[in-house]
Protein backbone atom coordinates (compact mmCIF):
# COMPACT_ATOMS: atom_id res chain seq x y z
CA MET A 1 -9.69 61.23 65.49
CA ALA A 2 -9.93 61.32 69.31
CA LEU A 3 -9.36 57.64 69.99
CA SER A 4 -8.32 57.00 73.61
CA GLY A 5 -6.34 54.13 75.02
CA MET A 6 -6.67 52.78 78.56
CA THR A 7 -3.08 52.63 79.79
CA GLY A 8 -1.08 55.58 81.03
CA PHE A 9 0.84 57.19 83.90
CA ALA A 10 1.10 60.68 85.34
CA ARG A 11 2.82 62.29 88.35
CA ILE A 12 2.16 65.72 89.85
CA GLU A 13 3.92 67.36 92.81
CA GLY A 14 2.63 70.14 95.03
CA ALA A 15 3.24 72.09 98.24
CA GLU A 16 1.23 74.19 100.65
CA GLY A 17 2.69 75.73 103.81
CA ALA A 18 4.72 73.12 105.67
CA TRP A 19 3.28 70.30 103.53
CA SER A 20 4.63 68.80 100.31
CA TRP A 21 3.12 65.94 98.34
CA SER A 22 3.04 63.97 95.11
CA VAL A 23 0.15 62.38 93.26
CA GLU A 24 0.62 59.41 90.92
CA ALA A 25 -2.21 58.31 88.64
CA ARG A 26 -1.97 55.22 86.49
CA SER A 27 -4.43 53.09 84.56
CA VAL A 28 -4.58 49.76 82.75
CA ASN A 29 -7.20 48.00 80.65
CA GLY A 30 -10.56 47.20 82.22
CA ARG A 31 -14.06 46.36 81.05
CA ASN A 32 -15.54 48.99 83.39
CA LEU A 33 -14.27 52.02 85.26
CA GLU A 34 -12.72 51.05 88.59
CA THR A 35 -10.90 53.67 90.69
CA ARG A 36 -8.76 52.96 93.74
CA PHE A 37 -7.35 55.69 96.00
CA ARG A 38 -4.48 55.40 98.46
CA GLY A 39 -3.48 58.30 100.71
CA PRO A 40 -1.89 59.02 104.10
CA PRO A 41 -3.94 58.73 107.31
CA GLY A 42 -6.15 61.73 107.88
CA PHE A 43 -6.74 62.49 104.19
CA GLU A 44 -9.44 59.92 103.45
CA SER A 45 -11.81 62.69 102.32
CA LEU A 46 -9.71 63.15 99.18
CA GLU A 47 -10.88 59.76 97.89
CA ARG A 48 -14.07 61.47 96.73
CA ALA A 49 -12.04 63.95 94.66
CA ALA A 50 -10.20 61.05 93.02
CA ARG A 51 -13.34 59.03 92.26
CA ASP A 52 -15.40 61.96 91.00
CA GLY A 53 -12.48 63.25 88.93
CA ALA A 54 -11.96 59.84 87.31
CA ALA A 55 -15.68 59.42 86.58
CA SER A 56 -15.82 62.80 84.84
CA ARG A 57 -12.87 61.98 82.57
CA PHE A 58 -12.96 58.25 81.85
CA GLN A 59 -15.47 55.52 81.09
CA ARG A 60 -13.30 52.41 81.23
CA GLY A 61 -10.08 51.21 82.82
CA GLN A 62 -8.64 50.26 86.19
CA LEU A 63 -7.28 53.45 87.79
CA ASN A 64 -4.99 53.80 90.78
CA VAL A 65 -4.50 57.23 92.39
CA ALA A 66 -1.81 57.41 95.08
CA LEU A 67 -1.20 60.47 97.28
CA GLN A 68 1.99 60.70 99.31
CA ALA A 69 2.30 63.68 101.70
CA LYS A 70 4.94 64.89 104.15
CA ARG A 71 5.01 67.72 106.64
CA ALA A 72 8.28 69.51 107.29
CA GLU A 73 9.50 69.23 110.88
CA THR A 74 9.84 72.58 112.65
CA ALA A 75 10.97 73.75 116.10
CA GLY A 76 7.46 74.90 116.82
CA ALA A 77 6.32 71.31 116.61
CA LEU A 78 8.03 70.49 119.98
CA ARG A 79 5.84 70.62 123.10
CA VAL A 80 6.64 70.21 126.81
CA ASN A 81 4.20 67.98 128.63
CA LEU A 82 3.73 69.98 131.86
CA ALA A 83 1.35 67.42 133.27
CA ALA A 84 4.04 64.75 133.01
CA ILE A 85 6.54 67.01 134.83
CA GLU A 86 4.06 67.71 137.64
CA SER A 87 3.40 64.00 138.02
CA LEU A 88 7.12 63.21 138.23
CA LEU A 89 7.74 65.93 140.82
CA ASP A 90 4.88 64.67 142.97
CA GLN A 91 6.22 61.15 142.89
CA LEU A 92 9.84 62.17 143.60
CA GLU A 93 9.07 64.65 146.37
CA PRO A 94 8.97 62.04 149.23
CA LEU A 95 12.38 60.74 148.13
CA SER A 96 14.00 64.19 148.07
CA THR A 97 12.37 65.22 151.36
CA SER A 98 13.72 62.14 153.15
CA GLY A 99 17.17 62.71 151.71
CA ARG A 100 17.20 59.49 149.78
CA ALA A 101 17.43 61.33 146.45
CA VAL A 102 18.53 64.70 145.13
CA ALA A 103 15.75 66.95 143.87
CA PRO A 104 15.52 66.54 140.11
CA SER A 105 16.82 69.30 137.84
CA LEU A 106 14.96 70.69 134.88
CA ASP A 107 17.57 69.29 132.49
CA GLY A 108 17.03 65.84 133.92
CA LEU A 109 13.27 66.08 133.73
CA LEU A 110 13.41 67.10 130.08
CA LEU A 111 15.30 63.90 129.28
CA VAL A 112 12.49 61.70 130.59
CA ARG A 113 10.57 59.98 127.77
CA GLY A 114 7.22 61.65 127.13
CA VAL A 115 8.09 65.00 128.76
CA VAL A 116 9.20 66.60 125.51
CA GLU A 117 6.81 65.68 122.74
CA GLY A 118 8.07 66.09 119.25
CA GLY A 119 5.43 65.88 116.57
CA GLU A 120 3.51 67.62 113.89
CA GLY A 121 1.48 70.59 114.89
CA GLU A 122 -2.17 70.54 114.07
CA ASP A 123 -3.51 72.81 111.33
CA ASP A 124 -6.44 75.03 112.12
CA ALA A 125 -9.65 74.46 110.19
CA GLU A 126 -8.95 77.16 107.59
CA ALA A 127 -5.40 75.96 106.93
CA ARG A 128 -6.60 72.37 106.70
CA ALA A 129 -9.29 73.26 104.17
CA ALA A 130 -6.76 75.15 102.04
CA LEU A 131 -4.36 72.19 102.22
CA GLU A 132 -6.97 69.65 101.11
CA ALA A 133 -8.15 71.98 98.33
CA ALA A 134 -4.57 72.23 97.04
CA MET A 135 -4.15 68.45 97.17
CA ALA A 136 -7.47 67.97 95.36
CA SER A 137 -6.22 70.33 92.67
CA SER A 138 -3.09 68.18 92.26
CA ILE A 139 -5.27 65.06 91.96
CA ALA A 140 -7.26 66.77 89.19
CA ALA A 141 -4.04 67.79 87.42
CA ALA A 142 -2.74 64.22 87.63
CA LEU A 143 -5.97 62.87 86.14
CA ASP A 144 -5.76 65.45 83.33
CA ALA A 145 -2.20 64.34 82.59
CA LEU A 146 -3.32 60.70 82.66
CA LYS A 147 -6.07 61.50 80.17
CA ALA A 148 -3.50 63.12 77.88
CA ALA A 149 -1.34 59.99 78.13
CA ARG A 150 -4.29 57.78 77.23
CA LEU A 151 -5.14 60.00 74.26
CA ALA A 152 -1.53 59.70 73.09
CA GLU A 153 -1.86 55.92 73.23
CA GLY A 154 -5.10 56.18 71.26
CA ALA A 155 -3.37 58.31 68.63
CA ALA A 156 -0.73 55.60 68.26
CA LEU A 157 -3.38 52.87 67.97
CA ALA A 158 -5.50 54.72 65.40
CA PRO A 159 -3.34 54.05 62.30
CA VAL A 160 -2.91 50.40 63.33
CA LEU A 161 -6.65 49.85 63.63
CA THR A 162 -7.35 51.79 60.44
CA GLY A 163 -4.81 49.66 58.58
CA GLN A 164 -6.39 46.47 59.86
CA MET A 165 -9.83 47.68 58.81
CA ASP A 166 -8.47 48.49 55.34
CA ARG A 167 -7.12 44.95 55.10
CA ILE A 168 -10.46 43.46 56.19
CA ALA A 169 -12.25 45.52 53.55
CA GLU A 170 -9.81 44.35 50.87
CA LEU A 171 -10.27 40.70 51.87
CA VAL A 172 -14.05 41.10 51.70
CA ARG A 173 -13.69 42.44 48.14
CA GLN A 174 -11.50 39.47 47.20
CA ALA A 175 -14.07 37.09 48.68
CA GLU A 176 -16.83 38.72 46.62
CA VAL A 177 -14.89 38.09 43.40
CA LEU A 178 -14.10 34.49 44.28
CA ALA A 179 -17.62 33.74 45.54
CA ALA A 180 -19.04 34.65 42.12
CA ASP A 181 -17.38 31.52 40.72
CA GLN A 182 -18.90 29.14 43.26
CA PRO A 183 -22.15 28.25 41.37
CA ALA A 184 -20.32 27.30 38.18
CA THR A 185 -17.68 25.38 40.14
CA LEU A 186 -20.29 23.44 42.08
CA LYS A 187 -22.21 22.61 38.90
CA ALA A 188 -19.09 21.36 37.13
CA ARG A 189 -18.05 19.33 40.18
CA PHE A 190 -21.46 17.64 40.44
CA GLU A 191 -21.58 17.02 36.69
CA ARG A 192 -18.22 15.23 36.85
CA ARG A 193 -19.42 13.03 39.68
CA MET A 194 -22.60 12.12 37.81
CA ALA A 195 -20.55 11.28 34.71
CA GLU A 196 -18.32 9.03 36.78
CA LEU A 197 -21.34 7.22 38.20
CA LEU A 198 -23.61 7.00 35.10
CA GLY A 199 -21.13 7.22 32.26
CA GLU A 200 -20.88 9.73 29.48
CA GLY A 201 -24.13 8.64 27.78
CA GLY A 202 -26.34 9.00 30.83
CA ASP A 203 -29.22 11.44 30.84
CA TYR A 204 -28.57 13.49 33.97
CA ALA A 205 -28.61 17.06 32.68
CA GLU A 206 -31.78 17.97 34.53
CA ARG A 207 -30.56 16.31 37.73
CA VAL A 208 -27.28 18.24 37.49
CA VAL A 209 -29.11 21.53 37.21
CA LEU A 210 -31.36 20.79 40.18
CA GLU A 211 -28.59 19.54 42.45
CA ALA A 212 -26.20 22.29 41.45
CA ALA A 213 -28.86 24.87 42.22
CA ALA A 214 -29.42 23.34 45.66
CA LEU A 215 -25.69 23.25 46.39
CA ALA A 216 -25.28 26.83 45.19
CA ALA A 217 -28.08 27.98 47.50
CA LYS A 218 -26.40 26.33 50.47
CA ALA A 219 -23.04 27.81 49.54
CA ASP A 220 -24.37 31.33 48.85
CA VAL A 221 -22.25 33.77 50.88
CA ARG A 222 -23.80 36.98 49.57
CA GLU A 223 -25.53 37.66 52.88
CA GLU A 224 -22.31 37.17 54.86
CA LEU A 225 -20.36 39.43 52.52
CA ASP A 226 -23.00 42.14 52.74
CA ARG A 227 -22.89 42.04 56.53
CA LEU A 228 -19.10 42.12 56.56
CA ALA A 229 -19.14 45.20 54.34
CA ALA A 230 -21.69 46.84 56.64
CA HIS A 231 -19.53 46.04 59.67
CA VAL A 232 -16.54 47.66 57.98
CA THR A 233 -18.54 50.85 57.50
CA SER A 234 -19.68 50.80 61.14
CA ALA A 235 -16.15 50.21 62.42
CA ARG A 236 -14.79 53.13 60.39
CA GLN A 237 -17.48 55.40 61.83
CA LEU A 238 -16.67 54.33 65.37
CA LEU A 239 -12.94 54.86 64.85
CA ALA A 240 -13.64 58.38 63.59
CA SER A 241 -16.02 59.20 66.43
CA ASP A 242 -15.06 61.42 69.37
CA ALA A 243 -17.11 59.25 71.75
CA PRO A 244 -15.56 56.25 73.55
CA ALA A 245 -15.98 53.31 71.20
CA GLY A 246 -14.14 50.40 72.81
CA ARG A 247 -17.21 48.46 73.92
CA ARG A 248 -18.96 48.77 70.56
CA LEU A 249 -15.81 47.88 68.64
CA ASP A 250 -15.38 44.82 70.81
CA PHE A 251 -18.94 43.72 70.03
CA LEU A 252 -18.41 44.47 66.34
CA SER A 253 -15.29 42.31 66.26
CA GLN A 254 -17.38 39.37 67.47
CA GLU A 255 -19.85 39.99 64.65
CA PHE A 256 -16.98 40.14 62.16
CA MET A 257 -15.71 36.76 63.34
CA ARG A 258 -19.16 35.19 63.21
CA GLU A 259 -19.59 36.14 59.54
CA ALA A 260 -16.03 35.07 58.67
CA ASN A 261 -16.63 31.65 60.26
CA THR A 262 -19.81 31.19 58.22
CA LEU A 263 -18.00 32.28 55.07
CA CYS A 264 -15.35 29.60 55.59
CA SER A 265 -17.95 26.90 56.35
CA LYS A 266 -19.87 27.68 53.14
CA SER A 267 -16.80 27.96 50.94
CA ALA A 268 -16.49 25.40 48.16
CA LEU A 269 -13.30 26.90 46.72
CA THR A 270 -9.78 26.55 48.05
CA ASP A 271 -8.96 30.16 47.24
CA LEU A 272 -12.11 31.44 48.95
CA THR A 273 -11.33 29.37 52.04
CA ALA A 274 -7.80 30.82 52.11
CA VAL A 275 -9.22 34.35 51.97
CA GLY A 276 -11.67 33.48 54.74
CA LEU A 277 -8.89 32.15 56.97
CA GLU A 278 -6.78 35.26 56.44
CA LEU A 279 -9.85 37.36 57.16
CA LYS A 280 -10.27 35.57 60.49
CA ALA A 281 -6.61 36.17 61.35
CA VAL A 282 -6.87 39.91 60.70
CA ILE A 283 -10.15 40.15 62.64
CA GLU A 284 -8.48 38.46 65.62
CA GLN A 285 -5.60 40.95 65.45
CA PHE A 286 -8.14 43.77 65.36
CA ARG A 287 -9.98 42.31 68.34
CA GLU A 288 -6.76 42.11 70.37
CA GLN A 289 -5.87 45.73 69.63
CA ILE A 290 -9.25 47.18 70.57
CA GLN A 291 -8.91 45.67 74.05
CA ASN A 292 -6.71 48.75 74.62
CA VAL A 293 -9.38 51.20 73.44
CA GLU A 294 -11.57 53.06 75.92
């Protein structure tokens, strides 16, 4: 059974040249597939890798893919702004020529803000392409790990859902047994009421039969029980399927509840009503659980 959940978390780390990074992918329940990407400035192009990767692996859920990257600082990243030095010398020359100031030294010039620029060197096109390819590979690995986490959740949900479906099937069987007694119960109930109204000597046998038949027709739950049994079969097939089944199971749970509500409204027996109410409770539990199924 390849049932998949919709919640999970994965983290992948990577490095390329002077760069190191981490990718975190997490997902929660969602009616549709919604992917959000967050990355450092300059790496916006990797959003496409995150969105396409999510679309190829998942059908439902709210996904968040976060890329954090850092470049190691190196001595080669320091640059001397020669233009700034030339500008300073030009402006200070009149002062030194007139004797109002000592000619600046190189050490002093290097201390002026903006003369020495410390920053990250720029990658050439080939190095940049290799870096983004490596990061995209980490995003794919994170999404694969997230898929594995969601499958693990699905594996944990499978026995719970199967157990609930077994209970629903058992309650449907109990309802079938109890429903078989409804016609006789309705006839006896109507006959007692007629006897109370007309007395024991009244001639109401034919009226009892006609009214009991009408009541039995209104209280017939055979159609609802047949549909419930068919829904059980469909749900078992969906749970055993390798295809994502969350949407169809959600729809099926609504059909289950509709039939259970009708069963309770038609019930003329206390025991049958009790079974119907328990059936509704188990269906609701099933519906809540499949909100976690992809």
